[in-house]
Amino acid sequence: MAPQNKLSKPKAGPSTISFLDIVEVRDDCVVMRDGTLRGVLLCSSVNFALKSEDEQIATIQAYMQFLNAIDFPLQIVIQSRKLNIDGYLEHLKALEKQQTNELLRVQIADYLDYVKELISLGDIMTKRFYVIAQYNPLSDKRRNFFQRLASVLSAAGTVKLSREQFERYAEALGKRMEFLISGFASMGLTAIRLDTQGLIELYYNSYNPDLGEQQPLAPLEKLQVEPLSALPDESAGKRV
């Protein structure tokens, strides 16, 4: 029996990205392995309890009408994250040093001490509300039976979309996103669609919550990522 080499390193396992359903992020869309697309909205919130009874009834009715008008799946995600206010504290320190009025300088210093004490008592959390919409070509009623069957058979592995297919799917997804933004506006909510940079940061921080605080993601134009062969047009967009 040959002696084992104790210095030999174990073989590296598969990359984490191989376990994700996401193939790439480009043109404000998330491309999935089955060829479907996702779009993400960042939504504001309202304090329902502080509204008057008439306002509450109006909000509920607007929400009911909004739900009845939707004919595609939605996913609502609420993320709670520890609020990082280091930048705010540094800003207060700079204001304290620049302040020439002694009374205002003392007040800023007292407020700075109050915020530090407040942080020491417990973590300050922030909540963000996301709504994810999808476009699935299988749900397109305008396609005939054979076109749907071909899509089902090709979904066994990673579906490769042509540039023309991607643009058509992205346009259909964009109409759904505009519809959702309009629907949220009727309820007094503000919703904005995440662009490519926002999507990459969202998934980066979601899968690396601790690392995301220590090592913020670089701007999109500085990212160096490996293409994942979802679309043949390599120069058309950023990939992750």
C-alpha atoms as a PDB file:
ATOM      1  CA  MET A   1       0.000   0.000   0.000  1.00  0.00           C
ATOM      2  CA  ALA A   2       1.417   3.349  -1.040  1.00  0.00           C
ATOM      3  CA  PRO A   3       1.923   5.824   1.797  1.00  0.00           C
ATOM      4  CA  GLN A   4      -0.452   8.739   1.868  1.00  0.00           C
ATOM      5  CA  ASN A   5       0.947  12.157   1.259  1.00  0.00           C
ATOM      6  CA  LYS A   6       0.021  14.169   4.334  1.00  0.00           C
ATOM      7  CA  LEU A   7       0.911  17.409   2.563  1.00  0.00           C
ATOM      8  CA  SER A   8      -1.536  16.874  -0.274  1.00  0.00           C
ATOM      9  CA  LYS A   9      -4.428  19.321  -0.267  1.00  0.00           C
ATOM     10  CA  PRO A  10      -8.028  18.182  -0.656  1.00  0.00           C
ATOM     11  CA  LYS A  11      -9.592  18.796  -4.027  1.00  0.00           C
ATOM     12  CA  ALA A  12     -11.587  21.973  -4.277  1.00  0.00           C
ATOM     13  CA  GLY A  13     -15.319  21.437  -4.361  1.00  0.00           C
ATOM     14  CA  PRO A  14     -17.662  22.975  -6.892  1.00  0.00           C
ATOM     15  CA  SER A  15     -18.058  26.735  -6.926  1.00  0.00           C
ATOM     16  CA  THR A  16     -20.887  28.203  -4.860  1.00  0.00           C
ATOM     17  CA  ILE A  17     -22.322  29.793  -7.967  1.00  0.00           C
ATOM     18  CA  SER A  18     -23.038  26.333  -9.398  1.00  0.00           C
ATOM     19  CA  PHE A  19     -25.728  25.867  -6.721  1.00  0.00           C
ATOM     20  CA  LEU A  20     -27.539  29.116  -7.547  1.00  0.00           C
ATOM     21  CA  ASP A  21     -30.473  29.348  -9.922  1.00  0.00           C
ATOM     22  CA  ILE A  22     -29.166  32.702 -11.123  1.00  0.00           C
ATOM     23  CA  VAL A  23     -27.145  32.606 -14.318  1.00  0.00           C
ATOM     24  CA  GLU A  24     -26.408  36.299 -14.689  1.00  0.00           C
ATOM     25  CA  VAL A  25     -27.550  39.848 -14.044  1.00  0.00           C
ATOM     26  CA  ARG A  26     -27.754  42.212 -16.979  1.00  0.00           C
ATOM     27  CA  ASP A  27     -29.793  45.145 -18.261  1.00  0.00           C
ATOM     28  CA  ASP A  28     -31.667  45.471 -14.925  1.00  0.00           C
ATOM     29  CA  CYS A  29     -32.839  41.838 -15.187  1.00  0.00           C
ATOM     30  CA  VAL A  30     -31.936  38.626 -13.380  1.00  0.00           C
ATOM     31  CA  VAL A  31     -31.613  35.690 -15.785  1.00  0.00           C
ATOM     32  CA  MET A  32     -32.449  32.297 -14.292  1.00  0.00           C
ATOM     33  CA  ARG A  33     -31.193  28.896 -15.394  1.00  0.00           C
ATOM     34  CA  ASP A  34     -34.575  27.946 -16.834  1.00  0.00           C
ATOM     35  CA  GLY A  35     -34.575  30.973 -19.141  1.00  0.00           C
ATOM     36  CA  THR A  36     -37.032  33.047 -17.112  1.00  0.00           C
ATOM     37  CA  LEU A  37     -36.348  36.622 -16.025  1.00  0.00           C
ATOM     38  CA  ARG A  38     -36.798  38.416 -12.730  1.00  0.00           C
ATOM     39  CA  GLY A  39     -37.128  42.090 -11.895  1.00  0.00           C
ATOM     40  CA  VAL A  40     -36.884  43.566  -8.382  1.00  0.00           C
ATOM     41  CA  LEU A  41     -38.632  46.611  -6.952  1.00  0.00           C
ATOM     42  CA  LEU A  42     -37.568  48.419  -3.795  1.00  0.00           C
ATOM     43  CA  CYS A  43     -40.747  49.666  -2.107  1.00  0.00           C
ATOM     44  CA  SER A  44     -41.492  52.192   0.575  1.00  0.00           C
ATOM     45  CA  SER A  45     -43.840  51.495   3.482  1.00  0.00           C
ATOM     46  CA  VAL A  46     -46.678  53.235   5.304  1.00  0.00           C
ATOM     47  CA  ASN A  47     -47.664  53.246   8.947  1.00  0.00           C
ATOM     48  CA  PHE A  48     -51.135  51.759   8.590  1.00  0.00           C
ATOM     49  CA  ALA A  49     -51.962  52.181  12.294  1.00  0.00           C
ATOM     50  CA  LEU A  50     -51.494  55.956  12.161  1.00  0.00           C
ATOM     51  CA  LYS A  51     -53.971  56.415   9.318  1.00  0.00           C
ATOM     52  CA  SER A  52     -57.544  57.446   9.921  1.00  0.00           C
ATOM     53  CA  GLU A  53     -60.321  54.890   9.479  1.00  0.00           C
ATOM     54  CA  ASP A  54     -61.280  56.297   6.068  1.00  0.00           C
ATOM     55  CA  GLU A  55     -57.652  56.223   4.931  1.00  0.00           C
ATOM     56  CA  GLN A  56     -57.288  52.627   6.102  1.00  0.00           C
ATOM     57  CA  ILE A  57     -60.403  51.571   4.188  1.00  0.00           C
ATOM     58  CA  ALA A  58     -59.174  53.353   1.056  1.00  0.00           C
ATOM     59  CA  THR A  59     -55.771  51.670   1.344  1.00  0.00           C
ATOM     60  CA  ILE A  60     -57.344  48.215   1.748  1.00  0.00           C
ATOM     61  CA  GLN A  61     -59.618  48.741  -1.239  1.00  0.00           C
ATOM     62  CA  ALA A  62     -56.717  49.935  -3.386  1.00  0.00           C
ATOM     63  CA  TYR A  63     -54.736  46.857  -2.331  1.00  0.00           C
ATOM     64  CA  MET A  64     -57.641  44.551  -3.224  1.00  0.00           C
ATOM     65  CA  GLN A  65     -57.962  46.121  -6.663  1.00  0.00           C
ATOM     66  CA  PHE A  66     -54.214  45.838  -7.128  1.00  0.00           C
ATOM     67  CA  LEU A  67     -54.210  42.110  -6.297  1.00  0.00           C
ATOM     68  CA  ASN A  68     -57.214  41.375  -8.520  1.00  0.00           C
ATOM     69  CA  ALA A  69     -55.485  43.017 -11.485  1.00  0.00           C
ATOM     70  CA  ILE A  70     -52.337  40.884 -11.233  1.00  0.00           C
ATOM     71  CA  ASP A  71     -52.181  37.801 -13.463  1.00  0.00           C
ATOM     72  CA  PHE A  72     -48.565  36.774 -12.790  1.00  0.00           C
ATOM     73  CA  PRO A  73     -46.684  35.503  -9.708  1.00  0.00           C
ATOM     74  CA  LEU A  74     -45.188  37.935  -7.193  1.00  0.00           C
ATOM     75  CA  GLN A  75     -42.726  37.426  -4.371  1.00  0.00           C
ATOM     76  CA  ILE A  76     -42.519  39.824  -1.422  1.00  0.00           C
ATOM     77  CA  VAL A  77     -39.289  39.824   0.583  1.00  0.00           C
ATOM     78  CA  ILE A  78     -38.602  41.787   3.769  1.00  0.00           C
ATOM     79  CA  GLN A  79     -34.962  42.078   4.795  1.00  0.00           C
ATOM     80  CA  SER A  80     -33.816  43.227   8.229  1.00  0.00           C
ATOM     81  CA  ARG A  81     -30.273  44.487   8.375  1.00  0.00           C
ATOM     82  CA  LYS A  82     -28.134  46.099  11.039  1.00  0.00           C
ATOM     83  CA  LEU A  83     -27.967  49.801  10.243  1.00  0.00           C
ATOM     84  CA  ASN A  84     -24.422  50.990   9.637  1.00  0.00           C
ATOM     85  CA  ILE A  85     -24.178  54.624  10.759  1.00  0.00           C
ATOM     86  CA  ASP A  86     -20.392  54.918  10.831  1.00  0.00           C
ATOM     87  CA  GLY A  87     -20.517  57.415   7.981  1.00  0.00           C
ATOM     88  CA  TYR A  88     -23.100  59.482   9.849  1.00  0.00           C
ATOM     89  CA  LEU A  89     -20.944  59.541  12.975  1.00  0.00           C
ATOM     90  CA  GLU A  90     -17.908  60.650  10.970  1.00  0.00           C
ATOM     91  CA  HIS A  91     -20.026  63.401   9.449  1.00  0.00           C
ATOM     92  CA  LEU A  92     -21.015  64.628  12.926  1.00  0.00           C
ATOM     93  CA  LYS A  93     -17.396  64.619  14.051  1.00  0.00           C
ATOM     94  CA  ALA A  94     -16.420  66.712  11.030  1.00  0.00           C
ATOM     95  CA  LEU A  95     -19.230  69.188  11.772  1.00  0.00           C
ATOM     96  CA  GLU A  96     -18.081  69.437  15.375  1.00  0.00           C
ATOM     97  CA  LYS A  97     -14.551  70.349  14.328  1.00  0.00           C
ATOM     98  CA  GLN A  98     -15.705  72.882  11.740  1.00  0.00           C
ATOM     99  CA  GLN A  99     -18.216  74.603  14.016  1.00  0.00           C
ATOM    100  CA  THR A 100     -17.049  78.057  15.140  1.00  0.00           C
ATOM    101  CA  ASN A 101     -20.007  78.701  17.441  1.00  0.00           C
ATOM    102  CA  GLU A 102     -19.078  77.244  20.826  1.00  0.00           C
ATOM    103  CA  LEU A 103     -22.686  76.590  21.865  1.00  0.00           C
ATOM    104  CA  LEU A 104     -23.488  74.696  18.637  1.00  0.00           C
ATOM    105  CA  ARG A 105     -20.236  72.772  18.919  1.00  0.00           C
ATOM    106  CA  VAL A 106     -21.183  71.606  22.435  1.00  0.00           C
ATOM    107  CA  GLN A 107     -24.670  70.633  21.259  1.00  0.00           C
ATOM    108  CA  ILE A 108     -23.226  68.573  18.389  1.00  0.00           C
ATOM    109  CA  ALA A 109     -20.825  66.850  20.799  1.00  0.00           C
ATOM    110  CA  ASP A 110     -23.691  66.041  23.193  1.00  0.00           C
ATOM    111  CA  TYR A 111     -25.786  64.669  20.336  1.00  0.00           C
ATOM    112  CA  LEU A 112     -22.848  62.576  19.139  1.00  0.00           C
ATOM    113  CA  ASP A 113     -22.443  61.090  22.625  1.00  0.00           C
ATOM    114  CA  TYR A 114     -26.185  60.381  22.749  1.00  0.00           C
ATOM    115  CA  VAL A 115     -26.092  58.480  19.431  1.00  0.00           C
ATOM    116  CA  LYS A 116     -23.068  56.451  20.566  1.00  0.00           C
ATOM    117  CA  GLU A 117     -24.826  55.563  23.819  1.00  0.00           C
ATOM    118  CA  LEU A 118     -27.963  54.611  21.901  1.00  0.00           C
ATOM    119  CA  ILE A 119     -25.939  52.269  19.686  1.00  0.00           C
ATOM    120  CA  SER A 120     -24.281  50.658  22.689  1.00  0.00           C
ATOM    121  CA  LEU A 121     -27.687  49.688  24.114  1.00  0.00           C
ATOM    122  CA  GLY A 122     -28.594  47.544  21.113  1.00  0.00           C
ATOM    123  CA  ASP A 123     -28.348  47.111  17.366  1.00  0.00           C
ATOM    124  CA  ILE A 124     -30.307  49.564  15.259  1.00  0.00           C
ATOM    125  CA  MET A 125     -32.087  47.626  12.530  1.00  0.00           C
ATOM    126  CA  THR A 126     -33.459  48.784   9.233  1.00  0.00           C
ATOM    127  CA  LYS A 127     -36.048  47.039   7.063  1.00  0.00           C
ATOM    128  CA  ARG A 128     -36.248  47.002   3.309  1.00  0.00           C
ATOM    129  CA  PHE A 129     -39.177  45.772   1.274  1.00  0.00           C
ATOM    130  CA  TYR A 130     -38.660  44.106  -2.088  1.00  0.00           C
ATOM    131  CA  VAL A 131     -41.171  42.861  -4.654  1.00  0.00           C
ATOM    132  CA  ILE A 132     -39.938  40.401  -7.266  1.00  0.00           C
ATOM    133  CA  ALA A 133     -41.795  39.899 -10.523  1.00  0.00           C
ATOM    134  CA  GLN A 134     -41.015  37.290 -13.141  1.00  0.00           C
ATOM    135  CA  TYR A 135     -41.530  36.748 -16.821  1.00  0.00           C
ATOM    136  CA  ASN A 136     -41.940  33.127 -17.799  1.00  0.00           C
ATOM    137  CA  PRO A 137     -42.394  32.475 -21.530  1.00  0.00           C
ATOM    138  CA  LEU A 138     -44.383  29.348 -20.653  1.00  0.00           C
ATOM    139  CA  SER A 139     -47.104  31.572 -19.226  1.00  0.00           C
ATOM    140  CA  ASP A 140     -47.367  33.613 -22.413  1.00  0.00           C
ATOM    141  CA  LYS A 141     -50.808  32.676 -23.727  1.00  0.00           C
ATOM    142  CA  ARG A 142     -49.953  33.929 -27.197  1.00  0.00           C
ATOM    143  CA  ARG A 143     -47.524  31.049 -27.763  1.00  0.00           C
ATOM    144  CA  ASN A 144     -48.846  27.903 -29.369  1.00  0.00           C
ATOM    145  CA  PHE A 145     -48.582  24.392 -27.928  1.00  0.00           C
ATOM    146  CA  PHE A 146     -45.436  23.370 -29.823  1.00  0.00           C
ATOM    147  CA  GLN A 147     -43.545  26.505 -28.778  1.00  0.00           C
ATOM    148  CA  ARG A 148     -44.389  25.840 -25.126  1.00  0.00           C
ATOM    149  CA  LEU A 149     -43.410  22.176 -25.473  1.00  0.00           C
ATOM    150  CA  ALA A 150     -40.024  23.123 -26.929  1.00  0.00           C
ATOM    151  CA  SER A 151     -39.398  25.460 -23.975  1.00  0.00           C
ATOM    152  CA  VAL A 152     -40.286  22.711 -21.488  1.00  0.00           C
ATOM    153  CA  LEU A 153     -37.922  20.218 -23.125  1.00  0.00           C
ATOM    154  CA  SER A 154     -35.068  22.738 -23.183  1.00  0.00           C
ATOM    155  CA  ALA A 155     -35.523  23.599 -19.490  1.00  0.00           C
ATOM    156  CA  ALA A 156     -33.752  20.436 -18.333  1.00  0.00           C
ATOM    157  CA  GLY A 157     -30.422  22.294 -18.281  1.00  0.00           C
ATOM    158  CA  THR A 158     -29.380  25.902 -18.449  1.00  0.00           C
ATOM    159  CA  VAL A 159     -31.406  27.583 -21.156  1.00  0.00           C
ATOM    160  CA  LYS A 160     -29.382  29.748 -23.531  1.00  0.00           C
ATOM    161  CA  LEU A 161     -31.264  32.799 -24.725  1.00  0.00           C
ATOM    162  CA  SER A 162     -30.455  34.586 -27.921  1.00  0.00           C
ATOM    163  CA  ARG A 163     -30.122  38.344 -27.803  1.00  0.00           C
ATOM    164  CA  GLU A 164     -33.466  38.668 -29.588  1.00  0.00           C
ATOM    165  CA  GLN A 165     -35.196  36.394 -27.052  1.00  0.00           C
ATOM    166  CA  PHE A 166     -33.680  38.256 -24.126  1.00  0.00           C
ATOM    167  CA  GLU A 167     -34.781  41.648 -25.439  1.00  0.00           C
ATOM    168  CA  ARG A 168     -38.304  40.343 -26.016  1.00  0.00           C
ATOM    169  CA  TYR A 169     -38.529  38.845 -22.519  1.00  0.00           C
ATOM    170  CA  ALA A 170     -36.982  41.945 -20.937  1.00  0.00           C
ATOM    171  CA  GLU A 171     -39.531  44.175 -22.674  1.00  0.00           C
ATOM    172  CA  ALA A 172     -42.411  42.045 -21.378  1.00  0.00           C
ATOM    173  CA  LEU A 173     -40.916  42.081 -17.872  1.00  0.00           C
ATOM    174  CA  GLY A 174     -40.487  45.854 -18.074  1.00  0.00           C
ATOM    175  CA  LYS A 175     -44.209  46.292 -18.750  1.00  0.00           C
ATOM    176  CA  ARG A 176     -45.014  44.230 -15.671  1.00  0.00           C
ATOM    177  CA  MET A 177     -42.655  46.321 -13.557  1.00  0.00           C
ATOM    178  CA  GLU A 178     -44.282  49.545 -14.773  1.00  0.00           C
ATOM    179  CA  PHE A 179     -47.692  48.091 -13.946  1.00  0.00           C
ATOM    180  CA  LEU A 180     -46.549  47.260 -10.414  1.00  0.00           C
ATOM    181  CA  ILE A 181     -45.046  50.711  -9.862  1.00  0.00           C
ATOM    182  CA  SER A 182     -48.331  52.290 -10.944  1.00  0.00           C
ATOM    183  CA  GLY A 183     -50.308  49.940  -8.690  1.00  0.00           C
ATOM    184  CA  PHE A 184     -48.188  50.746  -5.647  1.00  0.00           C
ATOM    185  CA  ALA A 185     -48.567  54.466  -6.361  1.00  0.00           C
ATOM    186  CA  SER A 186     -52.356  54.075  -6.103  1.00  0.00           C
ATOM    187  CA  MET A 187     -51.819  52.883  -2.513  1.00  0.00           C
ATOM    188  CA  GLY A 188     -49.527  55.780  -1.629  1.00  0.00           C
ATOM    189  CA  LEU A 189     -46.354  53.682  -1.939  1.00  0.00           C
ATOM    190  CA  THR A 190     -43.221  54.565  -3.863  1.00  0.00           C
ATOM    191  CA  ALA A 191     -41.476  51.786  -5.764  1.00  0.00           C
ATOM    192  CA  ILE A 192     -38.312  51.959  -7.829  1.00  0.00           C
ATOM    193  CA  ARG A 193     -36.795  49.260  -9.994  1.00  0.00           C
ATOM    194  CA  LEU A 194     -33.306  48.119  -9.069  1.00  0.00           C
ATOM    195  CA  ASP A 195     -30.796  48.589 -11.844  1.00  0.00           C
ATOM    196  CA  THR A 196     -27.970  46.167 -12.620  1.00  0.00           C
ATOM    197  CA  GLN A 197     -25.697  47.588  -9.914  1.00  0.00           C
ATOM    198  CA  GLY A 198     -28.503  47.499  -7.351  1.00  0.00           C
ATOM    199  CA  LEU A 199     -29.358  43.876  -8.190  1.00  0.00           C
ATOM    200  CA  ILE A 200     -25.745  42.751  -7.886  1.00  0.00           C
ATOM    201  CA  GLU A 201     -25.385  44.504  -4.522  1.00  0.00           C
ATOM    202  CA  LEU A 202     -28.679  43.005  -3.308  1.00  0.00           C
ATOM    203  CA  TYR A 203     -27.657  39.427  -4.039  1.00  0.00           C
ATOM    204  CA  TYR A 204     -24.084  39.990  -2.900  1.00  0.00           C
ATOM    205  CA  ASN A 205     -25.235  41.287   0.483  1.00  0.00           C
ATOM    206  CA  SER A 206     -27.961  38.616   0.763  1.00  0.00           C
ATOM    207  CA  TYR A 207     -25.543  35.726   0.291  1.00  0.00           C
ATOM    208  CA  ASN A 208     -22.673  37.448   2.167  1.00  0.00           C
ATOM    209  CA  PRO A 209     -24.309  39.475   4.970  1.00  0.00           C
ATOM    210  CA  ASP A 210     -21.203  39.696   7.181  1.00  0.00           C
ATOM    211  CA  LEU A 211     -18.744  40.130   4.340  1.00  0.00           C
ATOM    212  CA  GLY A 212     -20.947  42.776   2.755  1.00  0.00           C
ATOM    213  CA  GLU A 213     -20.477  45.059   5.774  1.00  0.00           C
ATOM    214  CA  GLN A 214     -16.702  44.593   5.887  1.00  0.00           C
ATOM    215  CA  GLN A 215     -16.062  44.642   2.134  1.00  0.00           C
ATOM    216  CA  PRO A 216     -18.616  46.732   0.237  1.00  0.00           C
ATOM    217  CA  LEU A 217     -19.097  45.825  -3.401  1.00  0.00           C
ATOM    218  CA  ALA A 218     -17.173  47.882  -5.939  1.00  0.00           C
ATOM    219  CA  PRO A 219     -18.994  49.995  -8.551  1.00  0.00           C
ATOM    220  CA  LEU A 220     -20.307  48.116 -11.574  1.00  0.00           C
ATOM    221  CA  GLU A 221     -17.708  49.447 -13.993  1.00  0.00           C
ATOM    222  CA  LYS A 222     -14.907  48.166 -11.723  1.00  0.00           C
ATOM    223  CA  LEU A 223     -16.269  44.652 -11.256  1.00  0.00           C
ATOM    224  CA  GLN A 224     -14.281  41.820 -12.793  1.00  0.00           C
ATOM    225  CA  VAL A 225     -16.551  38.802 -13.075  1.00  0.00           C
ATOM    226  CA  GLU A 226     -16.469  35.574 -15.042  1.00  0.00           C
ATOM    227  CA  PRO A 227     -18.983  35.266 -17.902  1.00  0.00           C
ATOM    228  CA  LEU A 228     -21.442  32.411 -17.472  1.00  0.00           C
ATOM    229  CA  SER A 229     -22.480  31.752 -21.087  1.00  0.00           C
ATOM    230  CA  ALA A 230     -26.158  32.563 -20.675  1.00  0.00           C
ATOM    231  CA  LEU A 231     -26.218  34.829 -23.691  1.00  0.00           C
ATOM    232  CA  PRO A 232     -23.977  34.644 -26.716  1.00  0.00           C
ATOM    233  CA  ASP A 233     -23.494  38.421 -26.843  1.00  0.00           C
ATOM    234  CA  GLU A 234     -20.642  38.786 -24.322  1.00  0.00           C
ATOM    235  CA  SER A 235     -20.246  42.561 -24.690  1.00  0.00           C
ATOM    236  CA  ALA A 236     -23.872  43.542 -24.212  1.00  0.00           C
ATOM    237  CA  GLY A 237     -23.936  43.681 -20.432  1.00  0.00           C
ATOM    238  CA  LYS A 238     -22.297  42.951 -17.125  1.00  0.00           C
ATOM    239  CA  ARG A 239     -22.496  39.430 -15.728  1.00  0.00           C
ATOM    240  CA  VAL A 240     -22.394  38.018 -12.260  1.00  0.00           C
END
